[in-house]
């Protein structure tokens, strides 16, 4: 008779956050790449300031004298190992989690994450100049995709796999909303024809950054609109990076934890996921765009945070700000 392996709560949380950090690394590289593509002569600072706002780092960057300087923003996201929003910081945390999870992850996963970590820690200021920045972002994206492929092919499909996928999907949905928000924070020319061409260029860049350009072109009209692109990234049921599909797949993994692995505490997280899925679909896309898209995306991000919190409270620890975590033994709680 098959016996379900025991998974400690701390290990489930480690897998959840390892996946989130790695997905965050890839998506931050995507955001940086698209911001660079939005640069225009004399308006470089505008694009990089938008990235700071999207990452909710305005207060942090206000403490730097040259916060709006593009070079400063690049350094703090690609070189600064102490900045919690940076690629080196996130990857370092992913590797730290992986080290504690050695009995649960494959040797191939561990080796690849170490090679990736050494590469990122070796990034130099000269790597952020001109076209080298785009090549660097491509290398970072491809390294995370390599990790994803190795994980898909080697990781055991137990409870840990479900928590890994939940972390990855929640982070992916969150980052897709941030990618959309960058487009709406940038100014475009007032002239009608110049505005149309600029908008078209920006939407193409957003689609390429989300790895959705070719998939979108298979579905869209020749003269596509902002509504088409936003709807595709938010609501398409087949595009891997759409917010809707990420939330729906998160529901599937929560159901697997309940049905296959017999974990009873999924109801709050499932309810939150269902609420978010319905919120994403409830308003016509043209009404969303005519209203406050930024506010809409903010609400989705808050709901994703609530979903992560529901999972954390149910399986890892009490995530409420007023709650005091118990001593080390809390992390030893078994998922039974």
C-alpha atoms as a PDB file:
ATOM      1  CA  UNK A   1       0.000   0.000   0.000  1.00  0.00           C
ATOM      2  CA  UNK A   2       1.303   3.453  -0.945  1.00  0.00           C
ATOM      3  CA  UNK A   3       2.004   5.751   2.009  1.00  0.00           C
ATOM      4  CA  UNK A   4       1.805   9.516   1.490  1.00  0.00           C
ATOM      5  CA  UNK A   5       5.175  11.082   2.461  1.00  0.00           C
ATOM      6  CA  UNK A   6       4.989  13.460   5.407  1.00  0.00           C
ATOM      7  CA  UNK A   7       5.537  17.122   4.508  1.00  0.00           C
ATOM      8  CA  UNK A   8       6.473  19.613   7.204  1.00  0.00           C
ATOM      9  CA  UNK A   9       4.760  22.996   7.121  1.00  0.00           C
ATOM     10  CA  UNK A  10       8.122  24.742   6.942  1.00  0.00           C
ATOM     11  CA  UNK A  11       9.035  22.689   3.851  1.00  0.00           C
ATOM     12  CA  UNK A  12       5.695  23.460   2.184  1.00  0.00           C
ATOM     13  CA  UNK A  13       6.310  27.149   2.838  1.00  0.00           C
ATOM     14  CA  UNK A  14       9.874  26.858   1.529  1.00  0.00           C
ATOM     15  CA  UNK A  15       8.659  25.323  -1.742  1.00  0.00           C
ATOM     16  CA  UNK A  16       5.929  27.945  -2.069  1.00  0.00           C
ATOM     17  CA  UNK A  17       8.420  30.794  -1.655  1.00  0.00           C
ATOM     18  CA  UNK A  18      11.190  29.238  -3.725  1.00  0.00           C
ATOM     19  CA  UNK A  19       8.752  29.125  -6.648  1.00  0.00           C
ATOM     20  CA  UNK A  20       7.567  32.689  -5.992  1.00  0.00           C
ATOM     21  CA  UNK A  21      11.086  34.096  -5.858  1.00  0.00           C
ATOM     22  CA  UNK A  22      12.131  32.382  -9.092  1.00  0.00           C
ATOM     23  CA  UNK A  23       8.986  33.486 -10.904  1.00  0.00           C
ATOM     24  CA  UNK A  24       9.601  37.010  -9.578  1.00  0.00           C
ATOM     25  CA  UNK A  25      13.150  36.950 -10.961  1.00  0.00           C
ATOM     26  CA  UNK A  26      11.908  36.023 -14.434  1.00  0.00           C
ATOM     27  CA  UNK A  27       9.125  38.558 -14.435  1.00  0.00           C
ATOM     28  CA  UNK A  28      11.316  41.361 -13.133  1.00  0.00           C
ATOM     29  CA  UNK A  29      13.673  40.647 -16.044  1.00  0.00           C
ATOM     30  CA  UNK A  30      10.642  40.894 -18.339  1.00  0.00           C
ATOM     31  CA  UNK A  31       9.594  44.217 -16.779  1.00  0.00           C
ATOM     32  CA  UNK A  32      13.106  45.659 -17.112  1.00  0.00           C
ATOM     33  CA  UNK A  33      13.294  44.551 -20.727  1.00  0.00           C
ATOM     34  CA  UNK A  34       9.981  46.165 -21.652  1.00  0.00           C
ATOM     35  CA  UNK A  35      10.849  49.374 -19.769  1.00  0.00           C
ATOM     36  CA  UNK A  36      14.051  49.661 -21.764  1.00  0.00           C
ATOM     37  CA  UNK A  37      12.071  49.203 -24.967  1.00  0.00           C
ATOM     38  CA  UNK A  38       9.786  52.095 -23.915  1.00  0.00           C
ATOM     39  CA  UNK A  39      12.702  54.500 -23.516  1.00  0.00           C
ATOM     40  CA  UNK A  40      12.648  57.471 -25.835  1.00  0.00           C
ATOM     41  CA  UNK A  41      15.265  60.236 -26.134  1.00  0.00           C
ATOM     42  CA  UNK A  42      14.873  62.795 -23.396  1.00  0.00           C
ATOM     43  CA  UNK A  43      12.234  60.737 -21.544  1.00  0.00           C
ATOM     44  CA  UNK A  44      14.318  57.860 -20.209  1.00  0.00           C
ATOM     45  CA  UNK A  45      13.696  58.764 -16.568  1.00  0.00           C
ATOM     46  CA  UNK A  46       9.927  58.577 -17.098  1.00  0.00           C
ATOM     47  CA  UNK A  47      10.080  54.915 -18.090  1.00  0.00           C
ATOM     48  CA  UNK A  48      12.320  53.878 -15.206  1.00  0.00           C
ATOM     49  CA  UNK A  49      10.286  55.869 -12.685  1.00  0.00           C
ATOM     50  CA  UNK A  50       7.251  53.893 -13.878  1.00  0.00           C
ATOM     51  CA  UNK A  51       9.077  50.662 -12.971  1.00  0.00           C
ATOM     52  CA  UNK A  52       9.734  51.976  -9.454  1.00  0.00           C
ATOM     53  CA  UNK A  53       6.033  52.778  -9.060  1.00  0.00           C
ATOM     54  CA  UNK A  54       4.937  49.388 -10.414  1.00  0.00           C
ATOM     55  CA  UNK A  55       7.168  47.606  -7.910  1.00  0.00           C
ATOM     56  CA  UNK A  56       5.678  49.742  -5.083  1.00  0.00           C
ATOM     57  CA  UNK A  57       9.170  50.977  -4.230  1.00  0.00           C
ATOM     58  CA  UNK A  58       8.552  54.731  -4.372  1.00  0.00           C
ATOM     59  CA  UNK A  59       9.162  55.330  -0.665  1.00  0.00           C
ATOM     60  CA  UNK A  60      12.359  53.297  -0.772  1.00  0.00           C
ATOM     61  CA  UNK A  61      13.703  55.104  -3.822  1.00  0.00           C
ATOM     62  CA  UNK A  62      12.816  58.557  -2.492  1.00  0.00           C
ATOM     63  CA  UNK A  63      15.722  58.132  -0.071  1.00  0.00           C
ATOM     64  CA  UNK A  64      18.163  58.080  -3.008  1.00  0.00           C
ATOM     65  CA  UNK A  65      19.191  61.435  -4.461  1.00  0.00           C
ATOM     66  CA  UNK A  66      19.333  60.051  -7.996  1.00  0.00           C
ATOM     67  CA  UNK A  67      16.269  57.828  -7.695  1.00  0.00           C
ATOM     68  CA  UNK A  68      14.871  58.931 -11.050  1.00  0.00           C
ATOM     69  CA  UNK A  69      18.189  58.356 -12.811  1.00  0.00           C
ATOM     70  CA  UNK A  70      17.843  55.287 -15.087  1.00  0.00           C
ATOM     71  CA  UNK A  71      21.296  54.003 -14.099  1.00  0.00           C
ATOM     72  CA  UNK A  72      20.353  54.133 -10.413  1.00  0.00           C
ATOM     73  CA  UNK A  73      17.147  52.166 -11.019  1.00  0.00           C
ATOM     74  CA  UNK A  74      18.979  49.539 -13.073  1.00  0.00           C
ATOM     75  CA  UNK A  75      21.672  49.158 -10.413  1.00  0.00           C
ATOM     76  CA  UNK A  76      19.156  48.755  -7.602  1.00  0.00           C
ATOM     77  CA  UNK A  77      17.155  46.056  -9.408  1.00  0.00           C
ATOM     78  CA  UNK A  78      20.038  44.168 -11.024  1.00  0.00           C
ATOM     79  CA  UNK A  79      23.071  44.701  -8.782  1.00  0.00           C
ATOM     80  CA  UNK A  80      21.970  45.595  -5.252  1.00  0.00           C
ATOM     81  CA  UNK A  81      21.943  42.410  -3.146  1.00  0.00           C
ATOM     82  CA  UNK A  82      20.349  44.214  -0.175  1.00  0.00           C
ATOM     83  CA  UNK A  83      17.301  45.532  -2.052  1.00  0.00           C
ATOM     84  CA  UNK A  84      14.389  43.108  -1.378  1.00  0.00           C
ATOM     85  CA  UNK A  85      12.951  43.877  -4.820  1.00  0.00           C
ATOM     86  CA  UNK A  86      16.140  43.130  -6.754  1.00  0.00           C
ATOM     87  CA  UNK A  87      16.928  40.108  -8.876  1.00  0.00           C
ATOM     88  CA  UNK A  88      20.057  39.162  -6.833  1.00  0.00           C
ATOM     89  CA  UNK A  89      18.109  39.366  -3.555  1.00  0.00           C
ATOM     90  CA  UNK A  90      15.212  37.249  -4.851  1.00  0.00           C
ATOM     91  CA  UNK A  91      17.502  34.634  -6.365  1.00  0.00           C
ATOM     92  CA  UNK A  92      19.570  34.471  -3.190  1.00  0.00           C
ATOM     93  CA  UNK A  93      16.384  33.788  -1.229  1.00  0.00           C
ATOM     94  CA  UNK A  94      15.289  31.141  -3.738  1.00  0.00           C
ATOM     95  CA  UNK A  95      18.654  29.388  -3.363  1.00  0.00           C
ATOM     96  CA  UNK A  96      18.484  29.606   0.444  1.00  0.00           C
ATOM     97  CA  UNK A  97      15.086  27.917   0.356  1.00  0.00           C
ATOM     98  CA  UNK A  98      16.394  25.303  -2.094  1.00  0.00           C
ATOM     99  CA  UNK A  99      19.278  24.485   0.251  1.00  0.00           C
ATOM    100  CA  UNK A 100      16.879  23.708   3.087  1.00  0.00           C
ATOM    101  CA  UNK A 101      14.786  21.592   0.692  1.00  0.00           C
ATOM    102  CA  UNK A 102      17.565  19.330  -0.612  1.00  0.00           C
ATOM    103  CA  UNK A 103      15.744  16.099   0.376  1.00  0.00           C
ATOM    104  CA  UNK A 104      12.649  17.255  -1.551  1.00  0.00           C
ATOM    105  CA  UNK A 105      14.084  18.624  -4.783  1.00  0.00           C
ATOM    106  CA  UNK A 106      16.060  16.809  -7.462  1.00  0.00           C
ATOM    107  CA  UNK A 107      19.825  16.993  -7.848  1.00  0.00           C
ATOM    108  CA  UNK A 108      19.321  18.582 -11.261  1.00  0.00           C
ATOM    109  CA  UNK A 109      17.197  21.359  -9.735  1.00  0.00           C
ATOM    110  CA  UNK A 110      19.812  22.073  -7.087  1.00  0.00           C
ATOM    111  CA  UNK A 111      22.703  22.142  -9.557  1.00  0.00           C
ATOM    112  CA  UNK A 112      20.947  24.436 -12.000  1.00  0.00           C
ATOM    113  CA  UNK A 113      19.911  26.924  -9.336  1.00  0.00           C
ATOM    114  CA  UNK A 114      23.522  27.088  -8.132  1.00  0.00           C
ATOM    115  CA  UNK A 115      24.826  27.775 -11.651  1.00  0.00           C
ATOM    116  CA  UNK A 116      22.144  30.454 -12.110  1.00  0.00           C
ATOM    117  CA  UNK A 117      22.985  31.993  -8.736  1.00  0.00           C
ATOM    118  CA  UNK A 118      26.692  32.274  -9.613  1.00  0.00           C
ATOM    119  CA  UNK A 119      25.821  33.927 -12.919  1.00  0.00           C
ATOM    120  CA  UNK A 120      23.549  36.557 -11.342  1.00  0.00           C
ATOM    121  CA  UNK A 121      26.015  37.318  -8.536  1.00  0.00           C
ATOM    122  CA  UNK A 122      28.625  37.935 -11.232  1.00  0.00           C
ATOM    123  CA  UNK A 123      26.639  40.653 -13.047  1.00  0.00           C
ATOM    124  CA  UNK A 124      28.747  43.813 -13.479  1.00  0.00           C
ATOM    125  CA  UNK A 125      27.737  47.450 -14.088  1.00  0.00           C
ATOM    126  CA  UNK A 126      28.994  47.216 -17.678  1.00  0.00           C
ATOM    127  CA  UNK A 127      26.405  44.476 -18.319  1.00  0.00           C
ATOM    128  CA  UNK A 128      23.616  47.035 -17.880  1.00  0.00           C
ATOM    129  CA  UNK A 129      24.644  49.303 -20.742  1.00  0.00           C
ATOM    130  CA  UNK A 130      22.776  49.516 -24.035  1.00  0.00           C
ATOM    131  CA  UNK A 131      21.963  46.282 -25.829  1.00  0.00           C
ATOM    132  CA  UNK A 132      23.850  44.274 -23.207  1.00  0.00           C
ATOM    133  CA  UNK A 133      20.980  44.895 -20.793  1.00  0.00           C
ATOM    134  CA  UNK A 134      18.496  43.249 -23.144  1.00  0.00           C
ATOM    135  CA  UNK A 135      20.813  40.271 -23.609  1.00  0.00           C
ATOM    136  CA  UNK A 136      21.226  40.018 -19.836  1.00  0.00           C
ATOM    137  CA  UNK A 137      17.447  40.007 -19.320  1.00  0.00           C
ATOM    138  CA  UNK A 138      17.112  37.287 -21.962  1.00  0.00           C
ATOM    139  CA  UNK A 139      19.734  35.172 -20.180  1.00  0.00           C
ATOM    140  CA  UNK A 140      17.940  35.597 -16.847  1.00  0.00           C
ATOM    141  CA  UNK A 141      14.564  34.663 -18.367  1.00  0.00           C
ATOM    142  CA  UNK A 142      16.030  31.616 -20.073  1.00  0.00           C
ATOM    143  CA  UNK A 143      17.704  30.475 -16.848  1.00  0.00           C
ATOM    144  CA  UNK A 144      14.403  30.552 -14.964  1.00  0.00           C
ATOM    145  CA  UNK A 145      12.731  28.738 -17.851  1.00  0.00           C
ATOM    146  CA  UNK A 146      15.460  26.093 -17.657  1.00  0.00           C
ATOM    147  CA  UNK A 147      14.707  25.694 -13.952  1.00  0.00           C
ATOM    148  CA  UNK A 148      10.993  25.376 -14.752  1.00  0.00           C
ATOM    149  CA  UNK A 149      11.674  22.663 -17.325  1.00  0.00           C
ATOM    150  CA  UNK A 150      13.968  20.719 -14.994  1.00  0.00           C
ATOM    151  CA  UNK A 151      11.402  20.982 -12.207  1.00  0.00           C
ATOM    152  CA  UNK A 152       8.621  19.788 -14.506  1.00  0.00           C
ATOM    153  CA  UNK A 153      10.667  16.768 -15.513  1.00  0.00           C
ATOM    154  CA  UNK A 154      12.196  15.738 -12.192  1.00  0.00           C
ATOM    155  CA  UNK A 155      10.125  16.877  -9.198  1.00  0.00           C
ATOM    156  CA  UNK A 156       8.015  14.290  -7.378  1.00  0.00           C
ATOM    157  CA  UNK A 157       4.261  14.974  -7.598  1.00  0.00           C
ATOM    158  CA  UNK A 158       3.421  14.979  -3.901  1.00  0.00           C
ATOM    159  CA  UNK A 159       2.082  17.719  -1.646  1.00  0.00           C
ATOM    160  CA  UNK A 160       5.279  19.694  -2.160  1.00  0.00           C
ATOM    161  CA  UNK A 161       4.622  19.881  -5.900  1.00  0.00           C
ATOM    162  CA  UNK A 162       1.206  21.411  -5.252  1.00  0.00           C
ATOM    163  CA  UNK A 163       2.630  24.122  -2.988  1.00  0.00           C
ATOM    164  CA  UNK A 164       5.424  24.847  -5.458  1.00  0.00           C
ATOM    165  CA  UNK A 165       2.855  25.347  -8.226  1.00  0.00           C
ATOM    166  CA  UNK A 166       0.655  27.544  -6.033  1.00  0.00           C
ATOM    167  CA  UNK A 167       3.552  29.897  -5.315  1.00  0.00           C
ATOM    168  CA  UNK A 168       4.522  30.060  -8.970  1.00  0.00           C
ATOM    169  CA  UNK A 169       0.981  30.756 -10.203  1.00  0.00           C
ATOM    170  CA  UNK A 170       0.175  33.452  -7.653  1.00  0.00           C
ATOM    171  CA  UNK A 171       3.410  35.274  -8.426  1.00  0.00           C
ATOM    172  CA  UNK A 172       2.863  34.939 -12.171  1.00  0.00           C
ATOM    173  CA  UNK A 173      -0.630  36.438 -11.995  1.00  0.00           C
ATOM    174  CA  UNK A 174       0.630  39.317  -9.850  1.00  0.00           C
ATOM    175  CA  UNK A 175       3.468  40.103 -12.246  1.00  0.00           C
ATOM    176  CA  UNK A 176       1.179  40.069 -15.292  1.00  0.00           C
ATOM    177  CA  UNK A 177      -0.900  42.829 -13.697  1.00  0.00           C
ATOM    178  CA  UNK A 178       2.282  44.831 -13.082  1.00  0.00           C
ATOM    179  CA  UNK A 179       3.319  44.459 -16.697  1.00  0.00           C
ATOM    180  CA  UNK A 180      -0.036  45.863 -17.789  1.00  0.00           C
ATOM    181  CA  UNK A 181       0.247  48.683 -15.282  1.00  0.00           C
ATOM    182  CA  UNK A 182       3.569  49.855 -16.724  1.00  0.00           C
ATOM    183  CA  UNK A 183       1.869  50.556 -20.035  1.00  0.00           C
ATOM    184  CA  UNK A 184      -0.783  52.688 -18.349  1.00  0.00           C
ATOM    185  CA  UNK A 185       1.687  54.752 -16.348  1.00  0.00           C
ATOM    186  CA  UNK A 186       3.573  55.986 -19.395  1.00  0.00           C
ATOM    187  CA  UNK A 187       2.653  59.140 -21.255  1.00  0.00           C
ATOM    188  CA  UNK A 188       1.913  59.038 -24.995  1.00  0.00           C
ATOM    189  CA  UNK A 189       1.876  61.856 -27.565  1.00  0.00           C
ATOM    190  CA  UNK A 190      -1.250  63.981 -27.853  1.00  0.00           C
ATOM    191  CA  UNK A 191      -1.266  63.985 -31.656  1.00  0.00           C
ATOM    192  CA  UNK A 192      -3.812  61.382 -32.755  1.00  0.00           C
ATOM    193  CA  UNK A 193      -1.682  59.571 -35.353  1.00  0.00           C
ATOM    194  CA  UNK A 194       1.506  59.700 -33.252  1.00  0.00           C
ATOM    195  CA  UNK A 195      -0.511  58.444 -30.284  1.00  0.00           C
ATOM    196  CA  UNK A 196      -1.887  55.523 -32.329  1.00  0.00           C
ATOM    197  CA  UNK A 197       1.570  54.456 -33.499  1.00  0.00           C
ATOM    198  CA  UNK A 198       3.056  54.816 -30.006  1.00  0.00           C
ATOM    199  CA  UNK A 199       0.206  52.824 -28.477  1.00  0.00           C
ATOM    200  CA  UNK A 200       0.655  50.069 -31.062  1.00  0.00           C
ATOM    201  CA  UNK A 201       4.391  49.880 -30.350  1.00  0.00           C
ATOM    202  CA  UNK A 202       3.821  49.777 -26.600  1.00  0.00           C
ATOM    203  CA  UNK A 203       1.188  47.035 -26.770  1.00  0.00           C
ATOM    204  CA  UNK A 204       3.452  44.934 -28.998  1.00  0.00           C
ATOM    205  CA  UNK A 205       6.269  45.374 -26.461  1.00  0.00           C
ATOM    206  CA  UNK A 206       3.978  44.348 -23.595  1.00  0.00           C
ATOM    207  CA  UNK A 207       2.854  41.231 -25.476  1.00  0.00           C
ATOM    208  CA  UNK A 208       6.438  40.267 -26.287  1.00  0.00           C
ATOM    209  CA  UNK A 209       7.497  40.839 -22.665  1.00  0.00           C
ATOM    210  CA  UNK A 210       4.708  38.508 -21.545  1.00  0.00           C
ATOM    211  CA  UNK A 211       5.777  35.902 -24.133  1.00  0.00           C
ATOM    212  CA  UNK A 212       2.320  36.273 -25.636  1.00  0.00           C
ATOM    213  CA  UNK A 213       2.918  38.038 -28.944  1.00  0.00           C
ATOM    214  CA  UNK A 214       2.496  35.049 -31.260  1.00  0.00           C
ATOM    215  CA  UNK A 215      -0.365  33.526 -29.278  1.00  0.00           C
ATOM    216  CA  UNK A 216      -2.185  36.861 -29.353  1.00  0.00           C
ATOM    217  CA  UNK A 217      -1.633  37.265 -33.095  1.00  0.00           C
ATOM    218  CA  UNK A 218      -3.311  33.883 -33.672  1.00  0.00           C
ATOM    219  CA  UNK A 219      -6.475  35.204 -32.040  1.00  0.00           C
ATOM    220  CA  UNK A 220      -6.587  38.944 -32.664  1.00  0.00           C
ATOM    221  CA  UNK A 221      -7.899  41.044 -35.524  1.00  0.00           C
ATOM    222  CA  UNK A 222      -5.421  42.811 -37.780  1.00  0.00           C
ATOM    223  CA  UNK A 223      -6.410  46.132 -36.207  1.00  0.00           C
ATOM    224  CA  UNK A 224      -6.347  45.113 -32.562  1.00  0.00           C
ATOM    225  CA  UNK A 225      -7.250  47.430 -29.713  1.00  0.00           C
ATOM    226  CA  UNK A 226      -6.098  48.061 -26.157  1.00  0.00           C
ATOM    227  CA  UNK A 227      -9.191  46.164 -25.037  1.00  0.00           C
ATOM    228  CA  UNK A 228      -8.024  43.104 -26.995  1.00  0.00           C
ATOM    229  CA  UNK A 229      -4.555  43.079 -25.415  1.00  0.00           C
ATOM    230  CA  UNK A 230      -5.716  43.763 -21.870  1.00  0.00           C
ATOM    231  CA  UNK A 231      -8.442  41.147 -22.176  1.00  0.00           C
ATOM    232  CA  UNK A 232      -5.938  38.609 -23.497  1.00  0.00           C
ATOM    233  CA  UNK A 233      -3.477  39.150 -20.630  1.00  0.00           C
ATOM    234  CA  UNK A 234      -6.146  39.286 -17.950  1.00  0.00           C
ATOM    235  CA  UNK A 235      -8.804  36.827 -19.096  1.00  0.00           C
ATOM    236  CA  UNK A 236      -7.662  34.433 -21.804  1.00  0.00           C
ATOM    237  CA  UNK A 237      -8.412  30.858 -20.650  1.00  0.00           C
ATOM    238  CA  UNK A 238      -5.522  29.280 -22.599  1.00  0.00           C
ATOM    239  CA  UNK A 239      -2.608  31.734 -22.383  1.00  0.00           C
ATOM    240  CA  UNK A 240      -0.182  30.474 -19.655  1.00  0.00           C
ATOM    241  CA  UNK A 241       0.504  33.941 -18.250  1.00  0.00           C
ATOM    242  CA  UNK A 242      -3.044  35.252 -18.139  1.00  0.00           C
ATOM    243  CA  UNK A 243      -4.307  36.169 -14.701  1.00  0.00           C
ATOM    244  CA  UNK A 244      -7.480  34.134 -15.195  1.00  0.00           C
ATOM    245  CA  UNK A 245      -5.689  30.910 -16.137  1.00  0.00           C
ATOM    246  CA  UNK A 246      -3.199  31.311 -13.274  1.00  0.00           C
ATOM    247  CA  UNK A 247      -6.031  31.674 -10.753  1.00  0.00           C
ATOM    248  CA  UNK A 248      -7.984  28.777 -12.258  1.00  0.00           C
ATOM    249  CA  UNK A 249      -4.921  26.525 -12.081  1.00  0.00           C
ATOM    250  CA  UNK A 250      -4.329  27.598  -8.483  1.00  0.00           C
ATOM    251  CA  UNK A 251      -7.860  26.395  -7.740  1.00  0.00           C
ATOM    252  CA  UNK A 252      -6.952  23.057  -9.328  1.00  0.00           C
ATOM    253  CA  UNK A 253      -3.883  22.613  -7.103  1.00  0.00           C
ATOM    254  CA  UNK A 254      -5.877  23.539  -4.000  1.00  0.00           C
ATOM    255  CA  UNK A 255      -8.433  20.905  -4.987  1.00  0.00           C
ATOM    256  CA  UNK A 256      -5.611  18.378  -5.427  1.00  0.00           C
ATOM    257  CA  UNK A 257      -4.417  19.106  -1.882  1.00  0.00           C
ATOM    258  CA  UNK A 258      -7.934  18.447  -0.584  1.00  0.00           C
ATOM    259  CA  UNK A 259      -8.976  15.529  -2.778  1.00  0.00           C
ATOM    260  CA  UNK A 260      -5.750  13.618  -3.417  1.00  0.00           C
ATOM    261  CA  UNK A 261      -3.621  14.536  -0.417  1.00  0.00           C
ATOM    262  CA  UNK A 262      -6.508  14.755   2.066  1.00  0.00           C
ATOM    263  CA  UNK A 263      -5.621  18.153   3.534  1.00  0.00           C
ATOM    264  CA  UNK A 264      -8.814  19.597   5.015  1.00  0.00           C
ATOM    265  CA  UNK A 265      -7.886  23.282   5.385  1.00  0.00           C
ATOM    266  CA  UNK A 266      -8.333  24.448   1.812  1.00  0.00           C
ATOM    267  CA  UNK A 267     -11.789  26.039   2.081  1.00  0.00           C
ATOM    268  CA  UNK A 268     -10.677  29.627   2.841  1.00  0.00           C
ATOM    269  CA  UNK A 269      -8.106  29.638   0.030  1.00  0.00           C
ATOM    270  CA  UNK A 270     -10.561  28.068  -2.438  1.00  0.00           C
ATOM    271  CA  UNK A 271     -13.178  30.671  -1.547  1.00  0.00           C
ATOM    272  CA  UNK A 272     -10.669  33.468  -2.071  1.00  0.00           C
ATOM    273  CA  UNK A 273      -9.579  32.026  -5.441  1.00  0.00           C
ATOM    274  CA  UNK A 274     -13.201  31.701  -6.588  1.00  0.00           C
ATOM    275  CA  UNK A 275     -13.922  35.295  -5.556  1.00  0.00           C
ATOM    276  CA  UNK A 276     -10.878  36.530  -7.484  1.00  0.00           C
ATOM    277  CA  UNK A 277     -11.767  34.513 -10.596  1.00  0.00           C
ATOM    278  CA  UNK A 278     -15.271  35.978 -10.597  1.00  0.00           C
ATOM    279  CA  UNK A 279     -13.918  39.505 -10.047  1.00  0.00           C
ATOM    280  CA  UNK A 280     -11.613  39.166 -13.060  1.00  0.00           C
ATOM    281  CA  UNK A 281     -14.559  38.267 -15.310  1.00  0.00           C
ATOM    282  CA  UNK A 282     -17.454  40.246 -13.890  1.00  0.00           C
ATOM    283  CA  UNK A 283     -17.061  43.579 -15.751  1.00  0.00           C
ATOM    284  CA  UNK A 284     -16.899  44.007 -19.540  1.00  0.00           C
ATOM    285  CA  UNK A 285     -13.340  44.812 -20.611  1.00  0.00           C
ATOM    286  CA  UNK A 286     -14.322  48.097 -22.256  1.00  0.00           C
ATOM    287  CA  UNK A 287     -15.756  49.310 -18.936  1.00  0.00           C
ATOM    288  CA  UNK A 288     -12.555  48.349 -17.128  1.00  0.00           C
ATOM    289  CA  UNK A 289     -10.460  50.353 -19.598  1.00  0.00           C
ATOM    290  CA  UNK A 290     -12.798  53.334 -19.574  1.00  0.00           C
ATOM    291  CA  UNK A 291     -12.655  53.440 -15.792  1.00  0.00           C
ATOM    292  CA  UNK A 292      -9.658  53.234 -13.486  1.00  0.00           C
ATOM    293  CA  UNK A 293      -7.529  50.401 -14.874  1.00  0.00           C
ATOM    294  CA  UNK A 294      -4.774  51.090 -12.369  1.00  0.00           C
ATOM    295  CA  UNK A 295      -7.260  50.770  -9.511  1.00  0.00           C
ATOM    296  CA  UNK A 296      -8.639  47.580 -11.046  1.00  0.00           C
ATOM    297  CA  UNK A 297      -5.148  46.067 -11.267  1.00  0.00           C
ATOM    298  CA  UNK A 298      -4.415  47.178  -7.705  1.00  0.00           C
ATOM    299  CA  UNK A 299      -7.518  45.321  -6.532  1.00  0.00           C
ATOM    300  CA  UNK A 300      -6.431  42.162  -8.346  1.00  0.00           C
ATOM    301  CA  UNK A 301      -2.993  42.406  -6.704  1.00  0.00           C
ATOM    302  CA  UNK A 302      -4.584  42.837  -3.273  1.00  0.00           C
ATOM    303  CA  UNK A 303      -6.812  39.809  -3.869  1.00  0.00           C
ATOM    304  CA  UNK A 304      -3.806  37.738  -4.937  1.00  0.00           C
ATOM    305  CA  UNK A 305      -2.097  38.764  -1.710  1.00  0.00           C
ATOM    306  CA  UNK A 306      -5.211  37.688   0.182  1.00  0.00           C
ATOM    307  CA  UNK A 307      -5.105  34.321  -1.600  1.00  0.00           C
ATOM    308  CA  UNK A 308      -1.460  33.830  -0.599  1.00  0.00           C
ATOM    309  CA  UNK A 309      -2.378  34.831   2.939  1.00  0.00           C
ATOM    310  CA  UNK A 310      -5.222  32.302   3.064  1.00  0.00           C
ATOM    311  CA  UNK A 311      -2.823  29.556   1.981  1.00  0.00           C
ATOM    312  CA  UNK A 312      -0.271  30.688   4.540  1.00  0.00           C
ATOM    313  CA  UNK A 313      -2.737  30.778   7.417  1.00  0.00           C
ATOM    314  CA  UNK A 314      -4.105  27.361   6.517  1.00  0.00           C
ATOM    315  CA  UNK A 315      -0.851  25.488   6.019  1.00  0.00           C
ATOM    316  CA  UNK A 316       2.275  27.387   7.037  1.00  0.00           C
ATOM    317  CA  UNK A 317       1.780  29.814   9.915  1.00  0.00           C
ATOM    318  CA  UNK A 318      -0.414  32.702  10.983  1.00  0.00           C
ATOM    319  CA  UNK A 319       0.236  35.501   8.496  1.00  0.00           C
ATOM    320  CA  UNK A 320      -1.923  38.093  10.217  1.00  0.00           C
ATOM    321  CA  UNK A 321       0.225  41.133  11.087  1.00  0.00           C
ATOM    322  CA  UNK A 322      -0.961  41.178  14.704  1.00  0.00           C
ATOM    323  CA  UNK A 323      -0.220  37.503  15.236  1.00  0.00           C
ATOM    324  CA  UNK A 324       3.019  36.523  16.901  1.00  0.00           C
ATOM    325  CA  UNK A 325       4.593  33.470  15.392  1.00  0.00           C
ATOM    326  CA  UNK A 326       5.230  30.676  17.869  1.00  0.00           C
ATOM    327  CA  UNK A 327       8.803  29.571  18.506  1.00  0.00           C
ATOM    328  CA  UNK A 328      10.647  27.191  16.211  1.00  0.00           C
ATOM    329  CA  UNK A 329       8.258  24.352  16.839  1.00  0.00           C
ATOM    330  CA  UNK A 330       5.582  26.119  14.742  1.00  0.00           C
ATOM    331  CA  UNK A 331       7.704  25.532  11.669  1.00  0.00           C
ATOM    332  CA  UNK A 332       7.750  21.821  12.512  1.00  0.00           C
ATOM    333  CA  UNK A 333       3.979  21.445  12.250  1.00  0.00           C
ATOM    334  CA  UNK A 334       3.135  18.561   9.957  1.00  0.00           C
ATOM    335  CA  UNK A 335       0.565  18.801   7.196  1.00  0.00           C
ATOM    336  CA  UNK A 336      -1.771  16.013   8.196  1.00  0.00           C
END
